[in-house]
Amino acid sequence: MALTKSLRTLYLASYNWILFFGWLQTLYLALSALKKTGFTSVYAAVEKPLQVWQTSALLEIFNGLAGIVRSPIIATLPQIGSRIYITWGILWSFPEIRQHWLVTQLVLSWSITEVIRYFFFALKETFGWTPAFLLWLRYSTFFVCYPTGIFGEAGLVYLALPYMKNSDIYSLRMPNKFNFSFDYYYASVVTLLSYIPGSPHMYNYMIGQRKKALGKGKKKSH
């Protein structure tokens, strides 16, 4: 039992430290590109690390399913799913939109959020505690970063729609041996519309999580 707990702690500590430094690198590259040449060069500067570290978040779904962490899959899945979709299904697939300023807004929102989040959990798993200011940042920066991130995601999907329609990318037309059709353009329109009910729901969920986390912190300090 003790060995299992030690292995779990080692795995989670390693995972969170690696992702922390990965997102810190992404944030640094984005800010450096923004300072040197402006927002049009940000995606080119962060493309590879963004793809690696965002895709690595799929492990969080595995961690939840395996019971390694207690994060509810119902909350984790849509967040990670939408980010994977934006990273690969939009930014990687449609280079025409990569120089838009929304890419910079998105990358900074994601990077700031993840640097704080992974640093928080890395310290927690390694030392068993986190400083109060980091706890506050972990559960407060979403007030700004979540709306800017969601606006960036939805905005980039919208910008990519004309290119989807013209390219017919990822679509499957009839007739075919599967006797099944799929239209990536209309699927993306549905995805875009899902942000309308989904975003307020997730925002309210995070407000609830903030109250719980900071409430516990206040109780411990008394």
Protein backbone atom coordinates (compact mmCIF):
# COMPACT_ATOMS: atom_id res chain seq x y z
CA MET A 1 0.00 0.00 0.00
CA ALA A 2 2.80 2.40 0.95
CA LEU A 3 4.70 1.49 -2.22
CA THR A 4 1.62 2.15 -4.35
CA LYS A 5 1.14 5.54 -2.69
CA SER A 6 4.81 6.42 -3.20
CA LEU A 7 4.67 5.48 -6.89
CA ARG A 8 1.50 7.52 -7.34
CA THR A 9 3.14 10.56 -5.71
CA LEU A 10 6.30 10.14 -7.81
CA TYR A 11 4.28 9.84 -11.01
CA LEU A 12 2.07 12.87 -10.29
CA ALA A 13 4.98 15.00 -9.10
CA SER A 14 6.99 14.17 -12.23
CA TYR A 15 4.01 14.73 -14.50
CA ASN A 16 3.19 18.13 -13.01
CA TRP A 17 6.80 19.36 -12.95
CA ILE A 18 7.31 18.36 -16.59
CA LEU A 19 4.10 20.09 -17.68
CA PHE A 20 4.94 23.15 -15.58
CA PHE A 21 8.29 23.64 -17.29
CA GLY A 22 6.74 22.82 -20.65
CA TRP A 23 4.08 25.51 -20.35
CA LEU A 24 6.62 27.93 -18.87
CA GLN A 25 8.70 27.42 -22.01
CA THR A 26 5.60 28.04 -24.16
CA LEU A 27 4.79 31.23 -22.28
CA TYR A 28 8.38 32.47 -22.60
CA LEU A 29 8.48 31.77 -26.34
CA ALA A 30 5.15 33.51 -26.88
CA LEU A 31 6.17 36.62 -24.97
CA SER A 32 9.57 36.74 -26.68
CA ALA A 33 8.00 36.49 -30.14
CA LEU A 34 5.38 39.08 -29.23
CA LYS A 35 8.06 41.50 -28.04
CA LYS A 36 10.42 40.98 -30.99
CA THR A 37 8.12 40.79 -34.02
CA GLY A 38 4.52 41.11 -32.86
CA PHE A 39 1.53 38.80 -32.65
CA THR A 40 1.86 37.48 -36.21
CA SER A 41 4.91 35.39 -35.26
CA VAL A 42 3.62 33.93 -31.99
CA TYR A 43 2.19 30.70 -33.39
CA ALA A 44 5.37 29.88 -35.34
CA ALA A 45 7.37 30.35 -32.14
CA VAL A 46 5.19 28.09 -29.97
CA GLU A 47 3.79 25.54 -32.43
CA LYS A 48 5.79 22.45 -31.41
CA PRO A 49 5.76 22.94 -27.62
CA LEU A 50 2.09 23.92 -27.75
CA GLN A 51 1.23 20.70 -29.57
CA VAL A 52 3.33 18.56 -27.24
CA TRP A 53 2.15 19.99 -23.94
CA GLN A 54 -1.48 20.39 -24.91
CA THR A 55 -1.66 16.82 -26.21
CA SER A 56 0.03 15.60 -23.02
CA ALA A 57 -3.07 16.75 -21.16
CA LEU A 58 -4.81 13.62 -22.49
CA LEU A 59 -3.04 11.84 -19.63
CA GLU A 60 -5.33 13.73 -17.26
CA ILE A 61 -8.27 11.79 -18.65
CA PHE A 62 -6.36 8.55 -18.04
CA ASN A 63 -5.44 9.72 -14.53
CA GLY A 64 -9.09 10.34 -13.74
CA LEU A 65 -10.32 7.06 -15.24
CA ALA A 66 -7.62 5.10 -13.42
CA GLY A 67 -8.46 6.76 -10.12
CA ILE A 68 -4.99 8.27 -9.78
CA VAL A 69 -6.58 11.69 -9.25
CA ARG A 70 -10.04 12.63 -8.03
CA SER A 71 -10.83 15.14 -10.78
CA PRO A 72 -14.30 14.46 -12.23
CA ILE A 73 -14.06 13.24 -15.83
CA ILE A 74 -17.29 15.04 -16.71
CA ALA A 75 -15.52 18.37 -16.06
CA THR A 76 -12.08 17.41 -17.40
CA LEU A 77 -13.17 15.85 -20.70
CA PRO A 78 -14.83 18.87 -22.37
CA GLN A 79 -11.98 21.19 -21.39
CA ILE A 80 -9.25 18.93 -22.72
CA GLY A 81 -11.33 17.89 -25.72
CA SER A 82 -11.91 21.47 -26.82
CA ARG A 83 -8.22 22.32 -26.46
CA ILE A 84 -7.10 19.30 -28.47
CA TYR A 85 -9.64 20.25 -31.12
CA ILE A 86 -8.33 23.82 -31.29
CA THR A 87 -4.66 22.75 -31.27
CA TRP A 88 -4.93 20.13 -34.01
CA GLY A 89 -8.31 20.54 -35.67
CA ILE A 90 -8.05 24.31 -36.10
CA LEU A 91 -4.56 25.77 -35.67
CA TRP A 92 -2.59 22.87 -37.17
CA SER A 93 -5.14 22.23 -39.92
CA PHE A 94 -5.69 25.81 -41.09
CA PRO A 95 -2.47 27.81 -41.38
CA GLU A 96 -4.45 30.71 -42.86
CA ILE A 97 -5.51 31.85 -39.36
CA ARG A 98 -2.25 31.37 -37.49
CA GLN A 99 -1.18 35.02 -37.70
CA HIS A 100 -4.39 36.42 -36.24
CA TRP A 101 -4.12 38.26 -32.92
CA LEU A 102 -6.59 35.81 -31.37
CA VAL A 103 -3.87 33.15 -31.49
CA THR A 104 -1.71 35.27 -29.18
CA GLN A 105 -4.63 35.87 -26.84
CA LEU A 106 -5.36 32.15 -26.75
CA VAL A 107 -1.77 31.03 -26.20
CA LEU A 108 -1.21 33.54 -23.39
CA SER A 109 -4.49 32.59 -21.69
CA TRP A 110 -3.71 28.89 -21.86
CA SER A 111 -0.05 29.31 -20.85
CA ILE A 112 -0.67 31.53 -17.82
CA THR A 113 -3.42 29.20 -16.61
CA GLU A 114 -1.33 26.07 -17.02
CA VAL A 115 1.89 27.47 -15.56
CA ILE A 116 0.01 28.35 -12.37
CA ARG A 117 -2.01 25.13 -12.29
CA TYR A 118 0.87 22.71 -12.84
CA PHE A 119 3.17 24.61 -10.47
CA PHE A 120 0.45 24.41 -7.81
CA PHE A 121 0.04 20.65 -8.18
CA ALA A 122 3.79 20.03 -8.57
CA LEU A 123 4.46 21.67 -5.20
CA LYS A 124 1.50 19.91 -3.62
CA GLU A 125 2.62 16.45 -4.78
CA THR A 126 6.31 17.06 -4.01
CA PHE A 127 6.13 18.83 -0.65
CA GLY A 128 2.52 18.29 0.45
CA TRP A 129 1.74 22.02 0.63
CA THR A 130 1.35 25.14 -1.47
CA PRO A 131 1.82 28.81 -0.51
CA ALA A 132 -1.36 30.81 0.06
CA PHE A 133 -0.70 33.21 -2.82
CA LEU A 134 -0.42 30.29 -5.27
CA LEU A 135 -3.67 28.80 -3.98
CA TRP A 136 -5.34 32.15 -4.61
CA LEU A 137 -3.85 32.43 -8.11
CA ARG A 138 -4.85 28.85 -8.92
CA TYR A 139 -8.49 29.60 -8.18
CA SER A 140 -8.70 33.26 -9.24
CA THR A 141 -6.91 33.84 -12.55
CA PHE A 142 -9.72 32.05 -14.40
CA PHE A 143 -11.84 35.18 -13.91
CA VAL A 144 -9.74 36.72 -16.71
CA CYS A 145 -8.04 33.79 -18.44
CA TYR A 146 -11.15 31.68 -18.94
CA PRO A 147 -13.17 34.34 -20.84
CA THR A 148 -10.16 35.39 -22.91
CA GLY A 149 -9.32 31.76 -23.64
CA ILE A 150 -12.89 30.83 -24.59
CA PHE A 151 -13.23 33.93 -26.77
CA GLY A 152 -9.97 32.98 -28.47
CA GLU A 153 -11.10 29.39 -29.05
CA ALA A 154 -14.52 30.33 -30.42
CA GLY A 155 -13.09 33.17 -32.47
CA LEU A 156 -10.53 30.93 -34.15
CA VAL A 157 -13.14 28.30 -34.99
CA TYR A 158 -15.25 31.03 -36.57
CA LEU A 159 -12.28 32.34 -38.58
CA ALA A 160 -11.50 28.83 -39.83
CA LEU A 161 -15.04 28.07 -41.04
CA PRO A 162 -14.65 29.55 -44.56
CA TYR A 163 -11.45 27.57 -45.10
CA MET A 164 -13.15 24.39 -43.89
CA LYS A 165 -15.98 24.85 -46.33
CA ASN A 166 -13.65 25.45 -49.27
CA SER A 167 -11.14 22.70 -48.46
CA ASP A 168 -13.63 19.96 -47.48
CA ILE A 169 -10.97 18.77 -45.02
CA TYR A 170 -11.76 15.80 -42.73
CA SER A 171 -15.18 15.36 -44.36
CA LEU A 172 -16.47 12.02 -45.62
CA ARG A 173 -18.86 12.08 -48.56
CA MET A 174 -21.31 9.52 -49.81
CA PRO A 175 -21.11 7.08 -51.43
CA ASN A 176 -18.36 5.24 -49.59
CA LYS A 177 -17.76 1.72 -48.27
CA PHE A 178 -18.78 2.75 -44.76
CA ASN A 179 -22.14 4.06 -45.95
CA PHE A 180 -21.62 7.02 -43.64
CA SER A 181 -21.11 10.73 -44.21
CA PHE A 182 -19.47 13.36 -42.05
CA ASP A 183 -19.12 17.08 -42.65
CA TYR A 184 -16.33 18.72 -40.66
CA TYR A 185 -17.67 22.18 -41.44
CA TYR A 186 -21.09 21.55 -39.92
CA ALA A 187 -19.59 19.60 -37.03
CA SER A 188 -17.46 22.66 -36.28
CA VAL A 189 -20.52 24.92 -36.47
CA VAL A 190 -22.21 22.69 -33.87
CA THR A 191 -19.04 22.81 -31.76
CA LEU A 192 -18.99 26.59 -32.01
CA LEU A 193 -22.63 26.82 -30.94
CA SER A 194 -21.93 24.51 -27.98
CA TYR A 195 -19.75 27.25 -26.48
CA ILE A 196 -22.92 29.29 -25.83
CA PRO A 197 -24.40 26.99 -23.14
CA GLY A 198 -21.13 25.26 -22.26
CA SER A 199 -18.99 28.27 -21.35
CA PRO A 200 -21.28 29.78 -18.68
CA HIS A 201 -21.74 26.32 -17.18
CA MET A 202 -17.98 25.76 -16.86
CA TYR A 203 -17.46 29.31 -15.58
CA ASN A 204 -20.02 28.76 -12.82
CA TYR A 205 -18.46 25.38 -12.04
CA MET A 206 -15.06 27.04 -11.54
CA ILE A 207 -16.60 29.70 -9.32
CA GLY A 208 -18.00 26.88 -7.18
CA GLN A 209 -14.60 25.19 -7.05
CA ARG A 210 -13.01 28.48 -6.03
CA LYS A 211 -15.41 28.91 -3.12
CA LYS A 212 -14.66 25.39 -1.90
CA ALA A 213 -10.88 25.71 -2.22
CA LEU A 214 -10.50 29.17 -0.73
CA GLY A 215 -13.09 28.40 1.93
CA LYS A 216 -10.97 25.44 3.09
CA GLY A 217 -7.90 27.69 3.12
CA LYS A 218 -9.64 30.21 5.38
CA LYS A 219 -10.76 27.50 7.80
CA LYS A 220 -7.21 26.15 8.13
CA SER A 221 -5.85 29.62 8.90
CA HIS A 222 -8.21 30.09 11.90
